[in-house]
Each structure stands twice: as structure tokens, then as C-alpha cells.
C-alpha atoms as a PDB file:
ATOM      1  CA  MET A   1      -0.206  -0.205   0.317  1.00  0.00           C
ATOM      2  CA  PHE A   2       1.379   3.454  -0.930  1.00  0.00           C
ATOM      3  CA  SER A   3       0.640   6.293   0.953  1.00  0.00           C
ATOM      4  CA  SER A   4      -0.410   9.960  -0.385  1.00  0.00           C
ATOM      5  CA  GLN A   5      -0.999   8.703  -3.436  1.00  0.00           C
ATOM      6  CA  THR A   6      -2.864  10.860  -6.501  1.00  0.00           C
ATOM      7  CA  PRO A   7      -2.945   8.457  -9.616  1.00  0.00           C
ATOM      8  CA  ALA A   8      -5.174  10.228 -11.826  1.00  0.00           C
ATOM      9  CA  VAL A   9      -2.554  12.103 -14.484  1.00  0.00           C
ATOM     10  CA  GLY A  10      -3.052  15.998 -14.639  1.00  0.00           C
ATOM     11  CA  ASN A  11      -2.728  18.009 -17.463  1.00  0.00           C
ATOM     12  CA  ILE A  12      -0.470  20.813 -18.686  1.00  0.00           C
ATOM     13  CA  LYS A  13      -1.803  23.562 -21.120  1.00  0.00           C
ATOM     14  CA  LEU A  14       0.426  24.325 -23.613  1.00  0.00           C
ATOM     15  CA  ALA A  15       1.068  28.164 -25.336  1.00  0.00           C
ATOM     16  CA  ASN A  16      -1.351  27.199 -28.051  1.00  0.00           C
ATOM     17  CA  GLY A  17      -4.087  25.556 -25.531  1.00  0.00           C
ATOM     18  CA  VAL A  18      -3.577  21.755 -26.426  1.00  0.00           C
ATOM     19  CA  LEU A  19      -2.824  19.759 -22.783  1.00  0.00           C
ATOM     20  CA  MET A  20       0.261  17.634 -22.695  1.00  0.00           C
ATOM     21  CA  PRO A  21      -0.703  14.467 -19.811  1.00  0.00           C
ATOM     22  CA  GLU A  22       1.860  15.425 -17.495  1.00  0.00           C
ATOM     23  CA  VAL A  23       3.752  11.822 -16.438  1.00  0.00           C
ATOM     24  CA  GLY A  24       4.150  10.222 -19.935  1.00  0.00           C
ATOM     25  CA  LEU A  25       6.020   7.029 -21.490  1.00  0.00           C
ATOM     26  CA  GLY A  26       9.826   7.375 -22.032  1.00  0.00           C
ATOM     27  CA  THR A  27      10.883   5.261 -25.246  1.00  0.00           C
ATOM     28  CA  TRP A  28      14.294   5.868 -25.494  1.00  0.00           C
ATOM     29  CA  LYS A  29      16.587   2.320 -25.450  1.00  0.00           C
ATOM     30  CA  ALA A  30      12.878   1.249 -24.827  1.00  0.00           C
ATOM     31  CA  HIS A  31      13.409  -1.518 -27.584  1.00  0.00           C
ATOM     32  CA  GLU A  32      16.300  -3.276 -25.894  1.00  0.00           C
ATOM     33  CA  GLY A  33      14.749  -7.210 -25.919  1.00  0.00           C
ATOM     34  CA  GLY A  34      11.870  -7.265 -28.161  1.00  0.00           C
ATOM     35  CA  MET A  35       9.272  -6.035 -25.929  1.00  0.00           C
ATOM     36  CA  LEU A  36       8.394  -2.667 -26.453  1.00  0.00           C
ATOM     37  CA  ALA A  37       5.390  -2.879 -28.464  1.00  0.00           C
ATOM     38  CA  GLU A  38       3.957  -5.106 -25.549  1.00  0.00           C
ATOM     39  CA  ALA A  39       4.863  -2.115 -22.917  1.00  0.00           C
ATOM     40  CA  VAL A  40       3.587   0.541 -24.734  1.00  0.00           C
ATOM     41  CA  LYS A  41       0.035  -1.657 -25.036  1.00  0.00           C
ATOM     42  CA  ALA A  42       0.429  -2.363 -21.370  1.00  0.00           C
ATOM     43  CA  ALA A  43       1.404   1.494 -20.219  1.00  0.00           C
ATOM     44  CA  ILE A  44      -1.945   2.466 -22.675  1.00  0.00           C
ATOM     45  CA  ASP A  45      -4.007   0.002 -20.883  1.00  0.00           C
ATOM     46  CA  LEU A  46      -2.770   1.516 -17.340  1.00  0.00           C
ATOM     47  CA  GLY A  47      -3.895   4.945 -18.117  1.00  0.00           C
ATOM     48  CA  TYR A  48      -0.870   6.017 -19.880  1.00  0.00           C
ATOM     49  CA  ARG A  49      -2.077   8.789 -22.798  1.00  0.00           C
ATOM     50  CA  HIS A  50       1.398  10.758 -23.581  1.00  0.00           C
ATOM     51  CA  ILE A  51       4.064   8.591 -25.393  1.00  0.00           C
ATOM     52  CA  ASP A  52       7.225  10.179 -26.139  1.00  0.00           C
ATOM     53  CA  CYS A  53       9.106   9.187 -29.408  1.00  0.00           C
ATOM     54  CA  ALA A  54      12.290   9.982 -32.010  1.00  0.00           C
ATOM     55  CA  GLN A  55      13.175   8.977 -35.300  1.00  0.00           C
ATOM     56  CA  MET A  56      16.786   8.458 -33.368  1.00  0.00           C
ATOM     57  CA  TYR A  57      15.191   5.857 -30.985  1.00  0.00           C
ATOM     58  CA  ASP A  58      14.748   3.805 -34.058  1.00  0.00           C
ATOM     59  CA  ASN A  59      12.065   1.918 -33.025  1.00  0.00           C
ATOM     60  CA  GLN A  60       8.778   3.911 -34.779  1.00  0.00           C
ATOM     61  CA  PRO A  61       7.162   1.426 -36.472  1.00  0.00           C
ATOM     62  CA  GLU A  62       6.669  -1.046 -33.166  1.00  0.00           C
ATOM     63  CA  ILE A  63       5.639   1.783 -31.230  1.00  0.00           C
ATOM     64  CA  GLY A  64       3.075   2.523 -34.334  1.00  0.00           C
ATOM     65  CA  LYS A  65       1.869  -1.438 -34.109  1.00  0.00           C
ATOM     66  CA  ALA A  66       1.523  -0.869 -30.826  1.00  0.00           C
ATOM     67  CA  LEU A  67      -1.064   2.280 -31.031  1.00  0.00           C
ATOM     68  CA  LYS A  68      -2.652   0.884 -34.116  1.00  0.00           C
ATOM     69  CA  GLU A  69      -3.557  -2.446 -31.817  1.00  0.00           C
ATOM     70  CA  SER A  70      -4.649  -0.062 -29.183  1.00  0.00           C
ATOM     71  CA  SER A  71      -8.183   0.558 -28.230  1.00  0.00           C
ATOM     72  CA  VAL A  72      -8.219   3.907 -26.839  1.00  0.00           C
ATOM     73  CA  PRO A  73      -8.878   6.587 -29.626  1.00  0.00           C
ATOM     74  CA  ARG A  74      -6.688   8.375 -30.896  1.00  0.00           C
ATOM     75  CA  GLU A  75      -7.605  11.619 -29.721  1.00  0.00           C
ATOM     76  CA  ASP A  76      -7.166  10.895 -26.659  1.00  0.00           C
ATOM     77  CA  LEU A  77      -3.691  10.147 -26.715  1.00  0.00           C
ATOM     78  CA  PHE A  78      -1.045  12.583 -27.217  1.00  0.00           C
ATOM     79  CA  ILE A  79       2.179  11.726 -29.142  1.00  0.00           C
ATOM     80  CA  VAL A  80       5.386  12.977 -29.420  1.00  0.00           C
ATOM     81  CA  SER A  81       8.093  12.573 -31.720  1.00  0.00           C
ATOM     82  CA  LYS A  82      11.473  14.641 -32.804  1.00  0.00           C
ATOM     83  CA  LEU A  83      13.236  15.583 -35.924  1.00  0.00           C
ATOM     84  CA  PHE A  84      16.818  13.804 -36.038  1.00  0.00           C
ATOM     85  CA  GLU A  85      19.356  16.453 -36.630  1.00  0.00           C
ATOM     86  CA  ASN A  86      20.448  14.951 -40.562  1.00  0.00           C
ATOM     87  CA  ARG A  87      16.654  16.685 -40.828  1.00  0.00           C
ATOM     88  CA  HIS A  88      17.657  20.183 -40.601  1.00  0.00           C
ATOM     89  CA  ARG A  89      17.922  21.877 -43.872  1.00  0.00           C
ATOM     90  CA  PRO A  90      14.618  23.354 -44.301  1.00  0.00           C
ATOM     91  CA  GLU A  91      13.756  21.853 -47.539  1.00  0.00           C
ATOM     92  CA  LEU A  92      14.117  18.406 -45.388  1.00  0.00           C
ATOM     93  CA  VAL A  93      11.530  18.986 -42.890  1.00  0.00           C
ATOM     94  CA  ALA A  94       8.341  17.632 -44.475  1.00  0.00           C
ATOM     95  CA  GLY A  95       9.669  14.680 -45.549  1.00  0.00           C
ATOM     96  CA  ALA A  96      10.885  14.141 -42.197  1.00  0.00           C
ATOM     97  CA  LEU A  97       8.062  14.588 -40.909  1.00  0.00           C
ATOM     98  CA  ASP A  98       5.786  12.594 -43.405  1.00  0.00           C
ATOM     99  CA  GLN A  99       8.665   9.682 -42.534  1.00  0.00           C
ATOM    100  CA  ILE A 100       7.133   9.825 -38.995  1.00  0.00           C
ATOM    101  CA  LEU A 101       3.901   9.591 -39.663  1.00  0.00           C
ATOM    102  CA  SER A 102       4.262   6.552 -42.011  1.00  0.00           C
ATOM    103  CA  GLU A 103       6.209   4.886 -39.097  1.00  0.00           C
ATOM    104  CA  LEU A 104       3.659   5.627 -36.038  1.00  0.00           C
ATOM    105  CA  GLN A 105       0.984   4.997 -38.436  1.00  0.00           C
ATOM    106  CA  LEU A 106      -0.867   8.192 -37.317  1.00  0.00           C
ATOM    107  CA  GLU A 107      -2.479  10.688 -39.409  1.00  0.00           C
ATOM    108  CA  TYR A 108      -0.779  13.403 -36.920  1.00  0.00           C
ATOM    109  CA  LEU A 109       1.478  14.437 -34.265  1.00  0.00           C
ATOM    110  CA  ASP A 110       0.649  16.003 -31.718  1.00  0.00           C
ATOM    111  CA  LEU A 111       3.766  17.507 -30.780  1.00  0.00           C
ATOM    112  CA  LEU A 112       6.899  17.599 -33.101  1.00  0.00           C
ATOM    113  CA  LEU A 113      10.581  18.666 -31.802  1.00  0.00           C
ATOM    114  CA  VAL A 114      13.837  19.500 -32.803  1.00  0.00           C
ATOM    115  CA  HIS A 115      15.489  16.929 -31.222  1.00  0.00           C
ATOM    116  CA  TRP A 116      18.866  18.821 -30.974  1.00  0.00           C
ATOM    117  CA  PRO A 117      19.653  22.859 -31.585  1.00  0.00           C
ATOM    118  CA  PHE A 118      22.717  21.411 -34.224  1.00  0.00           C
ATOM    119  CA  ALA A 119      22.686  19.828 -37.375  1.00  0.00           C
ATOM    120  CA  ILE A 120      24.479  17.035 -39.265  1.00  0.00           C
ATOM    121  CA  LYS A 121      24.770  16.777 -42.706  1.00  0.00           C
ATOM    122  CA  PRO A 122      21.830  14.571 -44.580  1.00  0.00           C
ATOM    123  CA  GLU A 123      24.011  11.457 -45.323  1.00  0.00           C
ATOM    124  CA  HIS A 124      24.257  10.636 -41.711  1.00  0.00           C
ATOM    125  CA  GLY A 125      22.635   8.100 -39.890  1.00  0.00           C
ATOM    126  CA  TYR A 126      20.706   7.768 -36.897  1.00  0.00           C
ATOM    127  CA  GLU A 127      23.940   7.859 -34.704  1.00  0.00           C
ATOM    128  CA  ASP A 128      26.048  11.014 -33.202  1.00  0.00           C
ATOM    129  CA  PRO A 129      28.214  12.974 -34.933  1.00  0.00           C
ATOM    130  CA  SER A 130      31.632  11.164 -34.430  1.00  0.00           C
ATOM    131  CA  GLY A 131      33.721  14.447 -35.509  1.00  0.00           C
ATOM    132  CA  ALA A 132      33.604  18.229 -36.013  1.00  0.00           C
ATOM    133  CA  GLU A 133      33.052  17.082 -40.086  1.00  0.00           C
ATOM    134  CA  ASP A 134      29.957  15.264 -39.661  1.00  0.00           C
ATOM    135  CA  LEU A 135      27.934  19.270 -38.202  1.00  0.00           C
ATOM    136  CA  ASP A 136      26.078  20.789 -40.797  1.00  0.00           C
ATOM    137  CA  ASN A 137      25.796  24.795 -40.799  1.00  0.00           C
ATOM    138  CA  VAL A 138      22.084  25.131 -40.839  1.00  0.00           C
ATOM    139  CA  PRO A 139      20.993  28.023 -38.753  1.00  0.00           C
ATOM    140  CA  ILE A 140      18.313  26.929 -35.828  1.00  0.00           C
ATOM    141  CA  MET A 141      15.485  29.678 -37.350  1.00  0.00           C
ATOM    142  CA  ASP A 142      15.891  28.211 -41.228  1.00  0.00           C
ATOM    143  CA  THR A 143      14.871  25.015 -39.448  1.00  0.00           C
ATOM    144  CA  TRP A 144      12.040  26.306 -37.027  1.00  0.00           C
ATOM    145  CA  ARG A 145      10.657  28.393 -39.976  1.00  0.00           C
ATOM    146  CA  ALA A 146      10.187  24.892 -41.965  1.00  0.00           C
ATOM    147  CA  MET A 147       8.929  23.473 -38.573  1.00  0.00           C
ATOM    148  CA  GLU A 148       6.084  26.678 -38.473  1.00  0.00           C
ATOM    149  CA  ALA A 149       5.307  25.857 -42.041  1.00  0.00           C
ATOM    150  CA  LEU A 150       4.474  22.217 -40.692  1.00  0.00           C
ATOM    151  CA  ALA A 151       1.786  23.680 -37.885  1.00  0.00           C
ATOM    152  CA  ASP A 152       0.147  25.507 -40.363  1.00  0.00           C
ATOM    153  CA  THR A 153      -1.011  22.343 -41.880  1.00  0.00           C
ATOM    154  CA  GLY A 154      -2.593  20.710 -39.476  1.00  0.00           C
ATOM    155  CA  LYS A 155      -0.386  17.198 -39.234  1.00  0.00           C
ATOM    156  CA  VAL A 156       0.923  18.541 -36.313  1.00  0.00           C
ATOM    157  CA  ARG A 157      -0.956  20.521 -33.326  1.00  0.00           C
ATOM    158  CA  ALA A 158       2.640  21.851 -31.373  1.00  0.00           C
ATOM    159  CA  ILE A 159       5.774  22.213 -31.959  1.00  0.00           C
ATOM    160  CA  GLY A 160       8.182  22.807 -30.017  1.00  0.00           C
ATOM    161  CA  VAL A 161      12.705  22.078 -29.073  1.00  0.00           C
ATOM    162  CA  SER A 162      14.583  19.632 -26.953  1.00  0.00           C
ATOM    163  CA  ASN A 163      17.907  20.033 -25.689  1.00  0.00           C
ATOM    164  CA  PHE A 164      17.927  24.004 -26.170  1.00  0.00           C
ATOM    165  CA  ASN A 165      19.437  26.306 -23.392  1.00  0.00           C
ATOM    166  CA  ALA A 166      18.364  29.220 -22.523  1.00  0.00           C
ATOM    167  CA  ALA A 167      21.281  31.413 -24.551  1.00  0.00           C
ATOM    168  CA  ILE A 168      19.758  30.183 -27.666  1.00  0.00           C
ATOM    169  CA  LEU A 169      16.035  31.082 -26.983  1.00  0.00           C
ATOM    170  CA  LYS A 170      16.773  34.457 -25.743  1.00  0.00           C
ATOM    171  CA  LYS A 171      17.968  34.651 -29.540  1.00  0.00           C
ATOM    172  CA  MET A 172      15.478  32.617 -30.933  1.00  0.00           C
ATOM    173  CA  LEU A 173      12.119  33.877 -29.386  1.00  0.00           C
ATOM    174  CA  PRO A 174      11.863  37.324 -30.860  1.00  0.00           C
ATOM    175  CA  GLN A 175      12.437  35.913 -34.429  1.00  0.00           C
ATOM    176  CA  CYS A 176       9.636  33.431 -33.767  1.00  0.00           C
ATOM    177  CA  ARG A 177       6.271  33.675 -35.994  1.00  0.00           C
ATOM    178  CA  ILE A 178       4.777  30.839 -33.595  1.00  0.00           C
ATOM    179  CA  ARG A 179       6.951  30.462 -29.903  1.00  0.00           C
ATOM    180  CA  PRO A 180       8.157  26.427 -29.028  1.00  0.00           C
ATOM    181  CA  ALA A 181       5.491  25.135 -27.073  1.00  0.00           C
ATOM    182  CA  VAL A 182       7.634  23.071 -25.037  1.00  0.00           C
ATOM    183  CA  ASN A 183      11.313  22.397 -24.291  1.00  0.00           C
ATOM    184  CA  GLN A 184      12.516  18.882 -23.322  1.00  0.00           C
ATOM    185  CA  VAL A 185      15.563  18.568 -21.275  1.00  0.00           C
ATOM    186  CA  GLU A 186      16.995  16.513 -18.807  1.00  0.00           C
ATOM    187  CA  VAL A 187      15.707  17.242 -15.757  1.00  0.00           C
ATOM    188  CA  HIS A 188      16.606  15.277 -12.512  1.00  0.00           C
ATOM    189  CA  PRO A 189      17.696  16.220  -8.642  1.00  0.00           C
ATOM    190  CA  TYR A 190      21.111  16.073  -9.759  1.00  0.00           C
ATOM    191  CA  ASN A 191      20.463  18.049 -13.024  1.00  0.00           C
ATOM    192  CA  PRO A 192      17.222  20.377 -11.882  1.00  0.00           C
ATOM    193  CA  GLU A 193      18.035  22.848 -14.745  1.00  0.00           C
ATOM    194  CA  HIS A 194      16.491  25.329 -12.105  1.00  0.00           C
ATOM    195  CA  GLU A 195      17.429  28.786 -14.259  1.00  0.00           C
ATOM    196  CA  LEU A 196      16.423  27.003 -17.447  1.00  0.00           C
ATOM    197  CA  VAL A 197      13.048  26.154 -15.803  1.00  0.00           C
ATOM    198  CA  ALA A 198      12.099  29.020 -14.630  1.00  0.00           C
ATOM    199  CA  TYR A 199      13.304  31.176 -17.923  1.00  0.00           C
ATOM    200  CA  CYS A 200      11.030  28.712 -20.262  1.00  0.00           C
ATOM    201  CA  GLN A 201       8.410  29.058 -17.573  1.00  0.00           C
ATOM    202  CA  ARG A 202       8.205  32.546 -17.313  1.00  0.00           C
ATOM    203  CA  ASN A 203       8.028  32.704 -21.256  1.00  0.00           C
ATOM    204  CA  ASN A 204       5.027  30.570 -21.524  1.00  0.00           C
ATOM    205  CA  ILE A 205       7.581  27.470 -22.992  1.00  0.00           C
ATOM    206  CA  ALA A 206       6.349  24.545 -21.017  1.00  0.00           C
ATOM    207  CA  VAL A 207       9.104  21.840 -20.421  1.00  0.00           C
ATOM    208  CA  THR A 208       9.095  18.137 -20.271  1.00  0.00           C
ATOM    209  CA  GLY A 209      11.778  16.387 -18.149  1.00  0.00           C
ATOM    210  CA  TYR A 210      14.058  13.296 -20.106  1.00  0.00           C
ATOM    211  CA  CYS A 211      15.969  11.069 -17.949  1.00  0.00           C
ATOM    212  CA  PRO A 212      14.019  11.826 -14.415  1.00  0.00           C
ATOM    213  CA  LEU A 213      15.301   9.172 -12.777  1.00  0.00           C
ATOM    214  CA  GLY A 214      18.850   9.265 -13.990  1.00  0.00           C
ATOM    215  CA  GLY A 215      20.414   6.454 -15.429  1.00  0.00           C
ATOM    216  CA  VAL A 216      23.814   4.752 -16.097  1.00  0.00           C
ATOM    217  CA  ARG A 217      26.537   7.227 -14.238  1.00  0.00           C
ATOM    218  CA  VAL A 218      23.522   9.543 -12.357  1.00  0.00           C
ATOM    219  CA  ASN A 219      22.652   6.787  -9.977  1.00  0.00           C
ATOM    220  CA  VAL A 220      20.083   9.571  -8.522  1.00  0.00           C
ATOM    221  CA  LEU A 221      17.582   6.503  -7.689  1.00  0.00           C
ATOM    222  CA  GLY A 222      20.243   5.650  -4.728  1.00  0.00           C
ATOM    223  CA  ASP A 223      20.553   8.811  -3.620  1.00  0.00           C
ATOM    224  CA  SER A 224      20.159   8.644  -0.018  1.00  0.00           C
ATOM    225  CA  LEU A 225      17.504  11.388   0.544  1.00  0.00           C
ATOM    226  CA  ILE A 226      15.783  10.089  -1.861  1.00  0.00           C
ATOM    227  CA  GLN A 227      15.258   6.651  -0.362  1.00  0.00           C
ATOM    228  CA  SER A 228      14.955   8.325   2.628  1.00  0.00           C
ATOM    229  CA  ILE A 229      11.734  10.157   1.267  1.00  0.00           C
ATOM    230  CA  ALA A 230      10.592   7.151  -0.204  1.00  0.00           C
ATOM    231  CA  ALA A 231      10.705   5.326   3.010  1.00  0.00           C
ATOM    232  CA  ALA A 232       8.545   7.580   4.554  1.00  0.00           C
ATOM    233  CA  HIS A 233       5.742   7.643   2.327  1.00  0.00           C
ATOM    234  CA  GLY A 234       5.906   3.914   1.491  1.00  0.00           C
ATOM    235  CA  CYS A 235       6.600   4.222  -2.238  1.00  0.00           C
ATOM    236  CA  SER A 236       9.193   3.614  -4.873  1.00  0.00           C
ATOM    237  CA  PRO A 237      12.658   5.817  -5.430  1.00  0.00           C
ATOM    238  CA  ALA A 238      10.779   6.671  -9.212  1.00  0.00           C
ATOM    239  CA  GLN A 239       7.658   7.699  -7.595  1.00  0.00           C
ATOM    240  CA  VAL A 240       9.771  10.784  -5.165  1.00  0.00           C
ATOM    241  CA  LEU A 241      11.142  11.658  -8.399  1.00  0.00           C
ATOM    242  CA  ILE A 242       8.459  11.854 -10.595  1.00  0.00           C
ATOM    243  CA  SER A 243       6.123  13.833  -8.152  1.00  0.00           C
ATOM    244  CA  TRP A 244       9.421  16.021  -7.180  1.00  0.00           C
ATOM    245  CA  GLN A 245       9.371  16.990 -11.316  1.00  0.00           C
ATOM    246  CA  THR A 246       5.707  17.042 -11.466  1.00  0.00           C
ATOM    247  CA  ALA A 247       5.095  19.334  -8.587  1.00  0.00           C
ATOM    248  CA  ARG A 248       7.443  21.967 -10.296  1.00  0.00           C
ATOM    249  CA  GLY A 249       5.174  21.861 -12.810  1.00  0.00           C
ATOM    250  CA  ILE A 250       7.408  19.734 -15.621  1.00  0.00           C
ATOM    251  CA  ALA A 251       5.983  16.612 -17.465  1.00  0.00           C
ATOM    252  CA  ALA A 252       8.035  13.623 -16.667  1.00  0.00           C
ATOM    253  CA  ILE A 253       8.434  10.943 -19.530  1.00  0.00           C
ATOM    254  CA  PRO A 254      10.207   7.834 -17.446  1.00  0.00           C
ATOM    255  CA  LYS A 255      11.037   4.624 -19.478  1.00  0.00           C
ATOM    256  CA  SER A 256      10.050   1.533 -18.231  1.00  0.00           C
ATOM    257  CA  THR A 257       8.597  -1.959 -19.907  1.00  0.00           C
ATOM    258  CA  ASN A 258       8.044  -3.629 -16.259  1.00  0.00           C
ATOM    259  CA  PRO A 259       4.153  -3.777 -15.809  1.00  0.00           C
ATOM    260  CA  GLU A 260       4.244  -3.242 -12.068  1.00  0.00           C
ATOM    261  CA  ARG A 261       6.898   0.088 -12.302  1.00  0.00           C
ATOM    262  CA  LEU A 262       5.002   1.251 -14.856  1.00  0.00           C
ATOM    263  CA  LYS A 263       1.962   1.228 -12.486  1.00  0.00           C
ATOM    264  CA  GLN A 264       3.756   2.740  -9.706  1.00  0.00           C
ATOM    265  CA  ASN A 265       5.448   5.550 -12.164  1.00  0.00           C
ATOM    266  CA  LEU A 266       2.139   6.768 -12.627  1.00  0.00           C
ATOM    267  CA  GLN A 267       0.917   6.954  -9.370  1.00  0.00           C
ATOM    268  CA  SER A 268       2.347  10.283  -7.584  1.00  0.00           C
ATOM    269  CA  ILE A 269       2.698  11.521  -4.362  1.00  0.00           C
ATOM    270  CA  VAL A 270       2.022  14.594  -2.433  1.00  0.00           C
ATOM    271  CA  LEU A 271       5.667  15.545  -1.156  1.00  0.00           C
ATOM    272  CA  ALA A 272       5.778  18.211   1.737  1.00  0.00           C
ATOM    273  CA  LEU A 273       7.106  21.675   0.894  1.00  0.00           C
ATOM    274  CA  ASP A 274      10.511  20.929   3.323  1.00  0.00           C
ATOM    275  CA  GLU A 275      10.459  17.543   1.383  1.00  0.00           C
ATOM    276  CA  MET A 276      10.510  19.872  -2.147  1.00  0.00           C
ATOM    277  CA  HIS A 277      13.214  22.027  -1.271  1.00  0.00           C
ATOM    278  CA  ALA A 278      15.550  19.225   0.158  1.00  0.00           C
ATOM    279  CA  ILE A 279      15.470  17.290  -3.185  1.00  0.00           C
ATOM    280  CA  GLY A 280      15.754  20.770  -5.008  1.00  0.00           C
ATOM    281  CA  GLN A 281      19.040  21.582  -2.607  1.00  0.00           C
ATOM    282  CA  ILE A 282      21.106  18.073  -3.741  1.00  0.00           C
ATOM    283  CA  ALA A 283      24.450  19.291  -4.229  1.00  0.00           C
ATOM    284  CA  THR A 284      25.349  16.421  -6.415  1.00  0.00           C
ATOM    285  CA  ARG A 285      25.832  17.497 -10.351  1.00  0.00           C
ATOM    286  CA  GLN A 286      25.747  14.778 -13.213  1.00  0.00           C
ATOM    287  CA  ARG A 287      24.478  14.902 -16.352  1.00  0.00           C
ATOM    288  CA  LYS A 288      23.246  11.871 -18.096  1.00  0.00           C
ATOM    289  CA  VAL A 289      23.621  13.229 -22.019  1.00  0.00           C
ATOM    290  CA  ASP A 290      26.129  15.597 -22.734  1.00  0.00           C
ATOM    291  CA  PRO A 291      27.492  15.537 -26.750  1.00  0.00           C
ATOM    292  CA  SER A 292      30.299  18.112 -25.628  1.00  0.00           C
ATOM    293  CA  ARG A 293      31.520  14.337 -24.193  1.00  0.00           C
ATOM    294  CA  ASN A 294      32.610  12.930 -27.281  1.00  0.00           C
ATOM    295  CA  LEU A 295      32.312  16.108 -29.488  1.00  0.00           C
ATOM    296  CA  PRO A 296      33.804  19.739 -27.844  1.00  0.00           C
ATOM    297  CA  GLU A 297      32.399  21.615 -30.747  1.00  0.00           C
ATOM    298  CA  LEU A 298      29.350  20.932 -29.374  1.00  0.00           C
ATOM    299  CA  ALA A 299      30.092  22.541 -25.704  1.00  0.00           C
ATOM    300  CA  TRP A 300      27.735  25.416 -26.455  1.00  0.00           C
ATOM    301  CA  VAL A 301      24.938  22.875 -26.069  1.00  0.00           C
ATOM    302  CA  PHE A 302      24.871  22.414 -22.492  1.00  0.00           C
ATOM    303  CA  HIS A 303      27.550  25.382 -21.330  1.00  0.00           C
ATOM    304  CA  GLU A 304      26.047  28.282 -22.830  1.00  0.00           C
ATOM    305  CA  LYS A 305      28.913  30.270 -19.850  1.00  0.00           C
ATOM    306  CA  GLU A 306      32.270  28.468 -21.235  1.00  0.00           C
ATOM    307  CA  ALA A 307      31.508  27.964 -25.082  1.00  0.00           C
ATOM    308  CA  GLU A 308      29.968  30.731 -26.829  1.00  0.00           C
ATOM    309  CA  CYS A 309      26.371  30.648 -28.567  1.00  0.00           C
ATOM    310  CA  PRO A 310      26.289  30.417 -32.142  1.00  0.00           C
ATOM    311  CA  LEU A 311      24.538  32.555 -34.464  1.00  0.00           C
ATOM    312  CA  ILE A 312      20.943  31.530 -34.618  1.00  0.00           C
END
């Protein structure tokens, strides 16, 4: 029995009025083991309505199969995908969306994000750039204007960005006809993004936090404070982390293919203000995803104070 639980999943209203469920299912690397389609169907049966996808994850056909087999009406689902970096050239954006829709067997997306603020050359596959020669000099606003054009077609209900820092957004927003509805970034207590979240929320940009449970090299689940709060509430550490995130007004997209954990992750708990504050004050700083580890030329993506943000 878990204490202080509120199983109903709330929504975050995007700038254009579209409602985004505050807890969704992450699918990055979820196809490992061949259980993704079953996990997606199980998640939908449990009440998940927000499914986070991406071209880069190379698993959208499996997800599309699960969506097709679901008895839940399409209009009750919130399906997200992302434009891969090798499709940033404006003339490639519409075709990329058509490919996404074909893979997912959908007529429209609820949200399409620009996955990263940098571009790589079109001939590059779905893998990280290995050197500066893989990068493509495509201004962010050129890509974004093509995204705005997609919003006019009805094939996407909302458009947004992912892994964009405040320096990029500050240069970008004055040039937008349609502002990003969402910024999806890594958020957990070891990477809380206090300043970026505050900036986005002040500018009516909703935030989705990926890797809310940490992951490899980022053992937030094993943090002593998180463990003690979980014990006090009689719940899992994952529920503490997800609830801390949604209490900040941030959507969370934890990944799991385990039915019991899928169920637990959907059940929030009510954290006390002192617990919220204590989690927000955790001093450890670790980031799971950082392209500059392999490519120094991309240090500006997450380290804008040390590396100058390029022209937008």
C-alpha cells in the first residue's frame, strides 16, 4: 500500500491551448529485449496517454504497431516525436515528418520537437556525430521556420524544441512567428535545471524532463535523501522523483517495460514543501546526456557559460 497517492494524471496546458499529460512513457532504448510494443500497449491499458518517441530511437514502427492495436481513441492520446539532426535543412523537414507519421501509422502528431539545436549532414545515419566534419551549418531559425510551416498544415498540433539552453532561446524567441510550445531537457535532482526551467516557464514554454530517474552514471534512485523520502511515504524512489518533477510543473517521461513499475510510475505522491526544498538543494551535479563528451565543438549546447552560443 502506497501512502499519499493521487493516481489521476494531470495535464499541462501548452501556449496554444493543447493539453499535454504531465506523466508519459519514455521510449529511448526501450526496444532492447523486443518488448517495446507490449510495453506500450500495457502502458496505455494502465492509463498512459503521453508517449514520447523520436526518429533517433529507431523504434517507431514498433510503437506504431502498438498504437494501431490499442482500443483507446487516437484523440485521447498525446504522441510526441522529434526531428533528427540530419533533417534540419528546411527542404527536408516536411519529408521527415511524413516519415515519422508513416512509421507511427498516424495522420498527425500532437507535438513535434527539434531534437537538438545542432545539425548534421543529411547523409549521416541515426547516430551521434563522431567529428566536426559531420556537422552541418544550418541556422536554427531556418529549421524553425520550416517547423512553423508544418504547424500550418494540421499535421502537428504543437511544435517545440529539445535540449535548447536559455542562451539559444533568448536569441530565437524574438524571431519566431510561433514560439516553441515545449522544451524537452534532461531533468532530475542531479541536473535540476532551476534557471532554465524558470526561464521557460516565464516565457510560457512548457518543460518536459527526460531521464527523470537518472540512469547510467547518474544514480539518483540510490541517493540517500531520495531513499529516505520514499521510505517515509511507503513508495518507490522513482515515484518520489517523478512527483518532485511534476510538482515543479514539469512533465516527466520515465521509461520502463516492467508492468509493475509502469503502474507505480503513474501514481504520484504528495511531497511536503520541506521535502521539495531538500530535493532541490541536493548538491550532486551529474548529467547523463552531453554531446560535448564526444565532440568538444558542441560544448555550447549545455555549457553556454564556457562556450559561446552560435548565431541562430
